[in-house]
């Protein structure tokens, strides 16, 4: 069996410039943010947090369009986006 992923367009318009902030010790390792990111920006890190799980890490920041799905889907509020200054 294989997992079907949506086709990614070669470029996507950024909705907003953001910095992805991950509160590693708050993460319980559910993987929702990794699974449902439409641009595959996040991946599982190799290190363990205080709960003994592998929190997500930002694997390719340049692909992030700032949609905010990761912060909306996280049940533990362990990930959020901060607006970057566009000056």
PDB file of N, CA and C in Angstrom:
ATOM      1  N   UNK A   1       0.828  -1.178   0.000  1.00  0.00           N
ATOM      2  CA  UNK A   1       0.000   0.000   0.000  1.00  0.00           C
ATOM      3  C   UNK A   1       0.874   1.243   0.000  1.00  0.00           C
ATOM      4  N   UNK A   2       0.354   2.282  -0.522  1.00  0.00           N
ATOM      5  CA  UNK A   2       1.066   3.540  -0.531  1.00  0.00           C
ATOM      6  C   UNK A   2       0.148   4.642  -0.019  1.00  0.00           C
ATOM      7  N   UNK A   3       0.758   5.688   0.515  1.00  0.00           N
ATOM      8  CA  UNK A   3       0.003   6.820   1.028  1.00  0.00           C
ATOM      9  C   UNK A   3      -0.130   7.861  -0.067  1.00  0.00           C
ATOM     10  N   UNK A   4      -1.331   8.308  -0.272  1.00  0.00           N
ATOM     11  CA  UNK A   4      -1.564   9.329  -1.288  1.00  0.00           C
ATOM     12  C   UNK A   4      -1.439  10.700  -0.645  1.00  0.00           C
ATOM     13  N   UNK A   5      -0.628  11.525  -1.209  1.00  0.00           N
ATOM     14  CA  UNK A   5      -0.455  12.896  -0.757  1.00  0.00           C
ATOM     15  C   UNK A   5      -0.902  13.819  -1.882  1.00  0.00           C
ATOM     16  N   UNK A   6      -1.393  14.999  -1.555  1.00  0.00           N
ATOM     17  CA  UNK A   6      -1.770  15.928  -2.622  1.00  0.00           C
ATOM     18  C   UNK A   6      -0.535  16.387  -3.391  1.00  0.00           C
ATOM     19  N   UNK A   7      -0.732  16.666  -4.644  1.00  0.00           N
ATOM     20  CA  UNK A   7       0.365  17.185  -5.458  1.00  0.00           C
ATOM     21  C   UNK A   7       0.663  18.610  -5.035  1.00  0.00           C
ATOM     22  N   UNK A   8       1.915  18.898  -4.845  1.00  0.00           N
ATOM     23  CA  UNK A   8       2.315  20.236  -4.441  1.00  0.00           C
ATOM     24  C   UNK A   8       2.655  21.062  -5.673  1.00  0.00           C
ATOM     25  N   UNK A   9       2.091  22.249  -5.796  1.00  0.00           N
ATOM     26  CA  UNK A   9       2.495  23.098  -6.913  1.00  0.00           C
ATOM     27  C   UNK A   9       3.944  23.520  -6.726  1.00  0.00           C
ATOM     28  N   UNK A  10       4.652  23.809  -7.817  1.00  0.00           N
ATOM     29  CA  UNK A  10       6.061  24.178  -7.686  1.00  0.00           C
ATOM     30  C   UNK A  10       6.273  25.427  -6.833  1.00  0.00           C
ATOM     31  N   UNK A  11       5.371  26.365  -6.901  1.00  0.00           N
ATOM     32  CA  UNK A  11       5.454  27.547  -6.057  1.00  0.00           C
ATOM     33  C   UNK A  11       4.064  27.852  -5.530  1.00  0.00           C
ATOM     34  N   UNK A  12       4.012  28.440  -4.385  1.00  0.00           N
ATOM     35  CA  UNK A  12       2.734  28.821  -3.786  1.00  0.00           C
ATOM     36  C   UNK A  12       2.856  30.240  -3.264  1.00  0.00           C
ATOM     37  N   UNK A  13       1.774  30.970  -3.384  1.00  0.00           N
ATOM     38  CA  UNK A  13       1.770  32.336  -2.899  1.00  0.00           C
ATOM     39  C   UNK A  13       1.703  32.328  -1.377  1.00  0.00           C
ATOM     40  N   UNK A  14       2.601  33.062  -0.756  1.00  0.00           N
ATOM     41  CA  UNK A  14       2.609  33.151   0.703  1.00  0.00           C
ATOM     42  C   UNK A  14       1.432  33.996   1.153  1.00  0.00           C
ATOM     43  N   UNK A  15       0.695  33.473   2.122  1.00  0.00           N
ATOM     44  CA  UNK A  15      -0.413  34.221   2.690  1.00  0.00           C
ATOM     45  C   UNK A  15       0.094  35.298   3.636  1.00  0.00           C
ATOM     46  N   UNK A  16       1.158  34.959   4.361  1.00  0.00           N
ATOM     47  CA  UNK A  16       1.799  35.897   5.283  1.00  0.00           C
ATOM     48  C   UNK A  16       3.164  35.347   5.651  1.00  0.00           C
ATOM     49  N   UNK A  17       4.052  36.237   6.048  1.00  0.00           N
ATOM     50  CA  UNK A  17       5.381  35.846   6.506  1.00  0.00           C
ATOM     51  C   UNK A  17       5.293  35.522   7.989  1.00  0.00           C
ATOM     52  N   UNK A  18       5.657  34.297   8.342  1.00  0.00           N
ATOM     53  CA  UNK A  18       5.540  33.863   9.735  1.00  0.00           C
ATOM     54  C   UNK A  18       6.781  33.114  10.188  1.00  0.00           C
ATOM     55  N   UNK A  19       6.909  33.046  11.496  1.00  0.00           N
ATOM     56  CA  UNK A  19       7.922  32.221  12.144  1.00  0.00           C
ATOM     57  C   UNK A  19       7.160  31.116  12.874  1.00  0.00           C
ATOM     58  N   UNK A  20       7.544  29.868  12.673  1.00  0.00           N
ATOM     59  CA  UNK A  20       6.886  28.741  13.324  1.00  0.00           C
ATOM     60  C   UNK A  20       7.537  28.506  14.683  1.00  0.00           C
ATOM     61  N   UNK A  21       6.734  28.553  15.736  1.00  0.00           N
ATOM     62  CA  UNK A  21       7.227  28.356  17.097  1.00  0.00           C
ATOM     63  C   UNK A  21       6.648  27.056  17.629  1.00  0.00           C
ATOM     64  N   UNK A  22       7.529  26.163  18.093  1.00  0.00           N
ATOM     65  CA  UNK A  22       7.111  24.870  18.623  1.00  0.00           C
ATOM     66  C   UNK A  22       7.503  24.799  20.093  1.00  0.00           C
ATOM     67  N   UNK A  23       6.515  24.587  20.952  1.00  0.00           N
ATOM     68  CA  UNK A  23       6.758  24.391  22.384  1.00  0.00           C
ATOM     69  C   UNK A  23       6.932  22.892  22.588  1.00  0.00           C
ATOM     70  N   UNK A  24       8.169  22.440  22.497  1.00  0.00           N
ATOM     71  CA  UNK A  24       8.474  21.010  22.444  1.00  0.00           C
ATOM     72  C   UNK A  24       7.964  20.235  23.653  1.00  0.00           C
ATOM     73  N   UNK A  25       8.094  20.784  24.854  1.00  0.00           N
ATOM     74  CA  UNK A  25       7.682  20.047  26.048  1.00  0.00           C
ATOM     75  C   UNK A  25       6.165  19.964  26.202  1.00  0.00           C
ATOM     76  N   UNK A  26       5.430  20.771  25.473  1.00  0.00           N
ATOM     77  CA  UNK A  26       3.971  20.704  25.514  1.00  0.00           C
ATOM     78  C   UNK A  26       3.431  19.650  24.547  1.00  0.00           C
ATOM     79  N   UNK A  27       4.232  19.244  23.572  1.00  0.00           N
ATOM     80  CA  UNK A  27       3.815  18.301  22.526  1.00  0.00           C
ATOM     81  C   UNK A  27       3.653  16.891  23.094  1.00  0.00           C
ATOM     82  N   UNK A  28       2.558  16.216  22.717  1.00  0.00           N
ATOM     83  CA  UNK A  28       2.347  14.828  23.143  1.00  0.00           C
ATOM     84  C   UNK A  28       2.628  13.843  22.013  1.00  0.00           C
ATOM     85  N   UNK A  29       3.088  14.345  20.859  1.00  0.00           N
ATOM     86  CA  UNK A  29       3.507  13.470  19.775  1.00  0.00           C
ATOM     87  C   UNK A  29       2.396  12.901  18.921  1.00  0.00           C
ATOM     88  N   UNK A  30       1.249  13.562  18.845  1.00  0.00           N
ATOM     89  CA  UNK A  30       0.134  13.022  18.057  1.00  0.00           C
ATOM     90  C   UNK A  30       0.442  13.032  16.560  1.00  0.00           C
ATOM     91  N   UNK A  31       1.258  13.989  16.096  1.00  0.00           N
ATOM     92  CA  UNK A  31       1.644  14.049  14.694  1.00  0.00           C
ATOM     93  C   UNK A  31       0.637  14.701  13.772  1.00  0.00           C
ATOM     94  N   UNK A  32      -0.439  15.292  14.316  1.00  0.00           N
ATOM     95  CA  UNK A  32      -1.442  15.932  13.466  1.00  0.00           C
ATOM     96  C   UNK A  32      -0.832  17.049  12.627  1.00  0.00           C
ATOM     97  N   UNK A  33       0.033  17.852  13.222  1.00  0.00           N
ATOM     98  CA  UNK A  33       0.635  18.982  12.499  1.00  0.00           C
ATOM     99  C   UNK A  33       1.474  18.491  11.321  1.00  0.00           C
ATOM    100  N   UNK A  34       2.178  17.391  11.512  1.00  0.00           N
ATOM    101  CA  UNK A  34       3.009  16.827  10.443  1.00  0.00           C
ATOM    102  C   UNK A  34       2.135  16.215   9.364  1.00  0.00           C
ATOM    103  N   UNK A  35       1.135  15.461   9.761  1.00  0.00           N
ATOM    104  CA  UNK A  35       0.272  14.743   8.830  1.00  0.00           C
ATOM    105  C   UNK A  35      -0.565  15.669   7.949  1.00  0.00           C
ATOM    106  N   UNK A  36      -1.084  16.744   8.533  1.00  0.00           N
ATOM    107  CA  UNK A  36      -2.037  17.580   7.815  1.00  0.00           C
ATOM    108  C   UNK A  36      -1.452  18.853   7.221  1.00  0.00           C
ATOM    109  N   UNK A  37      -0.167  19.098   7.379  1.00  0.00           N
ATOM    110  CA  UNK A  37       0.454  20.276   6.751  1.00  0.00           C
ATOM    111  C   UNK A  37       0.385  20.116   5.241  1.00  0.00           C
ATOM    112  N   UNK A  38      -0.289  21.032   4.541  1.00  0.00           N
ATOM    113  CA  UNK A  38      -0.440  20.877   3.097  1.00  0.00           C
ATOM    114  C   UNK A  38       0.857  21.076   2.315  1.00  0.00           C
ATOM    115  N   UNK A  39       1.870  21.664   2.927  1.00  0.00           N
ATOM    116  CA  UNK A  39       3.131  21.937   2.237  1.00  0.00           C
ATOM    117  C   UNK A  39       4.283  21.069   2.747  1.00  0.00           C
ATOM    118  N   UNK A  40       4.010  20.151   3.671  1.00  0.00           N
ATOM    119  CA  UNK A  40       5.023  19.256   4.235  1.00  0.00           C
ATOM    120  C   UNK A  40       6.223  20.016   4.811  1.00  0.00           C
ATOM    121  N   UNK A  41       5.914  21.013   5.617  1.00  0.00           N
ATOM    122  CA  UNK A  41       6.937  21.856   6.237  1.00  0.00           C
ATOM    123  C   UNK A  41       7.531  21.195   7.478  1.00  0.00           C
ATOM    124  N   UNK A  42       6.733  20.402   8.180  1.00  0.00           N
ATOM    125  CA  UNK A  42       7.149  19.814   9.454  1.00  0.00           C
ATOM    126  C   UNK A  42       7.504  18.340   9.310  1.00  0.00           C
ATOM    127  N   UNK A  43       8.386  17.884  10.182  1.00  0.00           N
ATOM    128  CA  UNK A  43       8.729  16.466  10.256  1.00  0.00           C
ATOM    129  C   UNK A  43       9.022  16.128  11.712  1.00  0.00           C
ATOM    130  N   UNK A  44       9.117  14.844  12.022  1.00  0.00           N
ATOM    131  CA  UNK A  44       9.378  14.401  13.392  1.00  0.00           C
ATOM    132  C   UNK A  44      10.856  14.597  13.708  1.00  0.00           C
ATOM    133  N   UNK A  45      11.141  15.195  14.871  1.00  0.00           N
ATOM    134  CA  UNK A  45      12.540  15.403  15.247  1.00  0.00           C
ATOM    135  C   UNK A  45      13.102  14.136  15.877  1.00  0.00           C
ATOM    136  N   UNK A  46      14.395  14.083  15.979  1.00  0.00           N
ATOM    137  CA  UNK A  46      15.074  12.919  16.553  1.00  0.00           C
ATOM    138  C   UNK A  46      15.158  12.983  18.076  1.00  0.00           C
ATOM    139  N   UNK A  47      15.060  14.191  18.647  1.00  0.00           N
ATOM    140  CA  UNK A  47      15.205  14.306  20.096  1.00  0.00           C
ATOM    141  C   UNK A  47      13.883  14.066  20.803  1.00  0.00           C
ATOM    142  N   UNK A  48      13.971  13.701  22.065  1.00  0.00           N
ATOM    143  CA  UNK A  48      12.801  13.448  22.896  1.00  0.00           C
ATOM    144  C   UNK A  48      12.523  14.655  23.788  1.00  0.00           C
ATOM    145  N   UNK A  49      11.240  14.904  24.041  1.00  0.00           N
ATOM    146  CA  UNK A  49      10.887  15.980  24.953  1.00  0.00           C
ATOM    147  C   UNK A  49      10.682  15.410  26.362  1.00  0.00           C
ATOM    148  N   UNK A  50      10.171  16.224  27.280  1.00  0.00           N
ATOM    149  CA  UNK A  50       9.996  15.772  28.666  1.00  0.00           C
ATOM    150  C   UNK A  50       8.918  14.696  28.805  1.00  0.00           C
ATOM    151  N   UNK A  51       8.042  14.555  27.820  1.00  0.00           N
ATOM    152  CA  UNK A  51       7.010  13.521  27.830  1.00  0.00           C
ATOM    153  C   UNK A  51       7.509  12.206  27.217  1.00  0.00           C
ATOM    154  N   UNK A  52       8.696  12.240  26.659  1.00  0.00           N
ATOM    155  CA  UNK A  52       9.263  11.045  26.059  1.00  0.00           C
ATOM    156  C   UNK A  52       8.806  10.783  24.639  1.00  0.00           C
ATOM    157  N   UNK A  53       8.380  11.826  23.940  1.00  0.00           N
ATOM    158  CA  UNK A  53       7.947  11.686  22.546  1.00  0.00           C
ATOM    159  C   UNK A  53       8.808  12.581  21.658  1.00  0.00           C
ATOM    160  N   UNK A  54       8.748  12.321  20.368  1.00  0.00           N
ATOM    161  CA  UNK A  54       9.478  13.119  19.390  1.00  0.00           C
ATOM    162  C   UNK A  54       8.589  14.264  18.905  1.00  0.00           C
ATOM    163  N   UNK A  55       8.877  15.499  19.301  1.00  0.00           N
ATOM    164  CA  UNK A  55       8.071  16.624  18.834  1.00  0.00           C
ATOM    165  C   UNK A  55       8.385  16.937  17.366  1.00  0.00           C
ATOM    166  N   UNK A  56       7.566  17.752  16.719  1.00  0.00           N
ATOM    167  CA  UNK A  56       7.856  18.125  15.337  1.00  0.00           C
ATOM    168  C   UNK A  56       9.012  19.109  15.263  1.00  0.00           C
ATOM    169  N   UNK A  57       9.587  19.198  14.084  1.00  0.00           N
ATOM    170  CA  UNK A  57      10.604  20.213  13.813  1.00  0.00           C
ATOM    171  C   UNK A  57      10.303  20.802  12.443  1.00  0.00           C
ATOM    172  N   UNK A  58      10.771  21.999  12.223  1.00  0.00           N
ATOM    173  CA  UNK A  58      10.595  22.649  10.931  1.00  0.00           C
ATOM    174  C   UNK A  58      11.665  22.101  10.002  1.00  0.00           C
ATOM    175  N   UNK A  59      11.233  21.375   8.969  1.00  0.00           N
ATOM    176  CA  UNK A  59      12.209  20.765   8.068  1.00  0.00           C
ATOM    177  C   UNK A  59      12.474  21.621   6.836  1.00  0.00           C
ATOM    178  N   UNK A  60      11.500  22.423   6.418  1.00  0.00           N
ATOM    179  CA  UNK A  60      11.709  23.295   5.269  1.00  0.00           C
ATOM    180  C   UNK A  60      10.863  24.550   5.420  1.00  0.00           C
ATOM    181  N   UNK A  61      11.433  25.546   6.075  1.00  0.00           N
ATOM    182  CA  UNK A  61      10.734  26.797   6.371  1.00  0.00           C
ATOM    183  C   UNK A  61      10.295  27.529   5.105  1.00  0.00           C
ATOM    184  N   UNK A  62      11.055  27.395   4.033  1.00  0.00           N
ATOM    185  CA  UNK A  62      10.746  28.123   2.796  1.00  0.00           C
ATOM    186  C   UNK A  62       9.438  27.676   2.148  1.00  0.00           C
ATOM    187  N   UNK A  63       8.990  26.459   2.445  1.00  0.00           N
ATOM    188  CA  UNK A  63       7.736  25.966   1.875  1.00  0.00           C
ATOM    189  C   UNK A  63       6.499  26.498   2.598  1.00  0.00           C
ATOM    190  N   UNK A  64       6.672  27.005   3.811  1.00  0.00           N
ATOM    191  CA  UNK A  64       5.540  27.476   4.615  1.00  0.00           C
ATOM    192  C   UNK A  64       4.909  28.708   3.969  1.00  0.00           C
ATOM    193  N   UNK A  65       3.575  28.648   3.803  1.00  0.00           N
ATOM    194  CA  UNK A  65       2.846  29.781   3.236  1.00  0.00           C
ATOM    195  C   UNK A  65       2.103  30.567   4.311  1.00  0.00           C
ATOM    196  N   UNK A  66       2.158  30.094   5.566  1.00  0.00           N
ATOM    197  CA  UNK A  66       1.524  30.802   6.663  1.00  0.00           C
ATOM    198  C   UNK A  66       0.036  30.542   6.796  1.00  0.00           C
ATOM    199  N   UNK A  67      -0.420  29.371   6.389  1.00  0.00           N
ATOM    200  CA  UNK A  67      -1.863  29.066   6.436  1.00  0.00           C
ATOM    201  C   UNK A  67      -2.375  28.899   7.858  1.00  0.00           C
ATOM    202  N   UNK A  68      -1.518  28.465   8.788  1.00  0.00           N
ATOM    203  CA  UNK A  68      -1.898  28.327  10.186  1.00  0.00           C
ATOM    204  C   UNK A  68      -2.627  27.038  10.525  1.00  0.00           C
ATOM    205  N   UNK A  69      -2.692  26.098   9.592  1.00  0.00           N
ATOM    206  CA  UNK A  69      -3.382  24.843   9.868  1.00  0.00           C
ATOM    207  C   UNK A  69      -2.725  24.084  11.019  1.00  0.00           C
ATOM    208  N   UNK A  70      -1.411  24.128  11.115  1.00  0.00           N
ATOM    209  CA  UNK A  70      -0.699  23.419  12.185  1.00  0.00           C
ATOM    210  C   UNK A  70      -1.139  23.902  13.560  1.00  0.00           C
ATOM    211  N   UNK A  71      -1.252  25.214  13.748  1.00  0.00           N
ATOM    212  CA  UNK A  71      -1.653  25.724  15.056  1.00  0.00           C
ATOM    213  C   UNK A  71      -3.130  25.494  15.333  1.00  0.00           C
ATOM    214  N   UNK A  72      -3.946  25.444  14.313  1.00  0.00           N
ATOM    215  CA  UNK A  72      -5.375  25.205  14.510  1.00  0.00           C
ATOM    216  C   UNK A  72      -5.675  23.753  14.852  1.00  0.00           C
ATOM    217  N   UNK A  73      -4.874  22.830  14.341  1.00  0.00           N
ATOM    218  CA  UNK A  73      -5.146  21.402  14.520  1.00  0.00           C
ATOM    219  C   UNK A  73      -4.474  20.821  15.763  1.00  0.00           C
ATOM    220  N   UNK A  74      -3.528  21.520  16.351  1.00  0.00           N
ATOM    221  CA  UNK A  74      -2.802  21.001  17.517  1.00  0.00           C
ATOM    222  C   UNK A  74      -3.695  20.988  18.752  1.00  0.00           C
ATOM    223  N   UNK A  75      -3.958  19.793  19.325  1.00  0.00           N
ATOM    224  CA  UNK A  75      -4.835  19.718  20.499  1.00  0.00           C
ATOM    225  C   UNK A  75      -4.192  20.242  21.782  1.00  0.00           C
ATOM    226  N   UNK A  76      -2.878  20.398  21.793  1.00  0.00           N
ATOM    227  CA  UNK A  76      -2.180  20.839  22.997  1.00  0.00           C
ATOM    228  C   UNK A  76      -1.634  22.262  22.906  1.00  0.00           C
ATOM    229  N   UNK A  77      -1.957  22.979  21.831  1.00  0.00           N
ATOM    230  CA  UNK A  77      -1.471  24.341  21.623  1.00  0.00           C
ATOM    231  C   UNK A  77       0.048  24.406  21.728  1.00  0.00           C
ATOM    232  N   UNK A  78       0.710  23.396  21.154  1.00  0.00           N
ATOM    233  CA  UNK A  78       2.166  23.294  21.238  1.00  0.00           C
ATOM    234  C   UNK A  78       2.866  23.947  20.050  1.00  0.00           C
ATOM    235  N   UNK A  79       2.105  24.431  19.084  1.00  0.00           N
ATOM    236  CA  UNK A  79       2.701  25.062  17.909  1.00  0.00           C
ATOM    237  C   UNK A  79       1.878  26.287  17.545  1.00  0.00           C
ATOM    238  N   UNK A  80       2.574  27.371  17.223  1.00  0.00           N
ATOM    239  CA  UNK A  80       1.863  28.573  16.799  1.00  0.00           C
ATOM    240  C   UNK A  80       2.742  29.370  15.846  1.00  0.00           C
ATOM    241  N   UNK A  81       2.133  30.305  15.185  1.00  0.00           N
ATOM    242  CA  UNK A  81       2.827  31.132  14.203  1.00  0.00           C
ATOM    243  C   UNK A  81       2.922  32.562  14.727  1.00  0.00           C
ATOM    244  N   UNK A  82       4.079  33.179  14.528  1.00  0.00           N
ATOM    245  CA  UNK A  82       4.265  34.579  14.886  1.00  0.00           C
ATOM    246  C   UNK A  82       4.484  35.366  13.600  1.00  0.00           C
ATOM    247  N   UNK A  83       3.782  36.470  13.471  1.00  0.00           N
ATOM    248  CA  UNK A  83       3.924  37.333  12.300  1.00  0.00           C
ATOM    249  C   UNK A  83       5.336  37.935  12.275  1.00  0.00           C
ATOM    250  N   UNK A  84       5.927  37.960  11.095  1.00  0.00           N
ATOM    251  CA  UNK A  84       7.226  38.591  10.904  1.00  0.00           C
ATOM    252  C   UNK A  84       7.009  39.992  10.360  1.00  0.00           C
ATOM    253  N   UNK A  85       7.872  40.906  10.743  1.00  0.00           N
ATOM    254  CA  UNK A  85       7.800  42.264  10.201  1.00  0.00           C
ATOM    255  C   UNK A  85       8.186  42.242   8.745  1.00  0.00           C
ATOM    256  N   UNK A  86       7.416  42.927   7.929  1.00  0.00           N
ATOM    257  CA  UNK A  86       7.697  42.989   6.492  1.00  0.00           C
ATOM    258  C   UNK A  86       8.141  44.393   6.107  1.00  0.00           C
ATOM    259  N   UNK A  87       9.113  44.916   6.823  1.00  0.00           N
ATOM    260  CA  UNK A  87       9.587  46.274   6.530  1.00  0.00           C
ATOM    261  C   UNK A  87      10.735  46.259   5.590  1.00  0.00           C
TER     262      UNK A  87
END
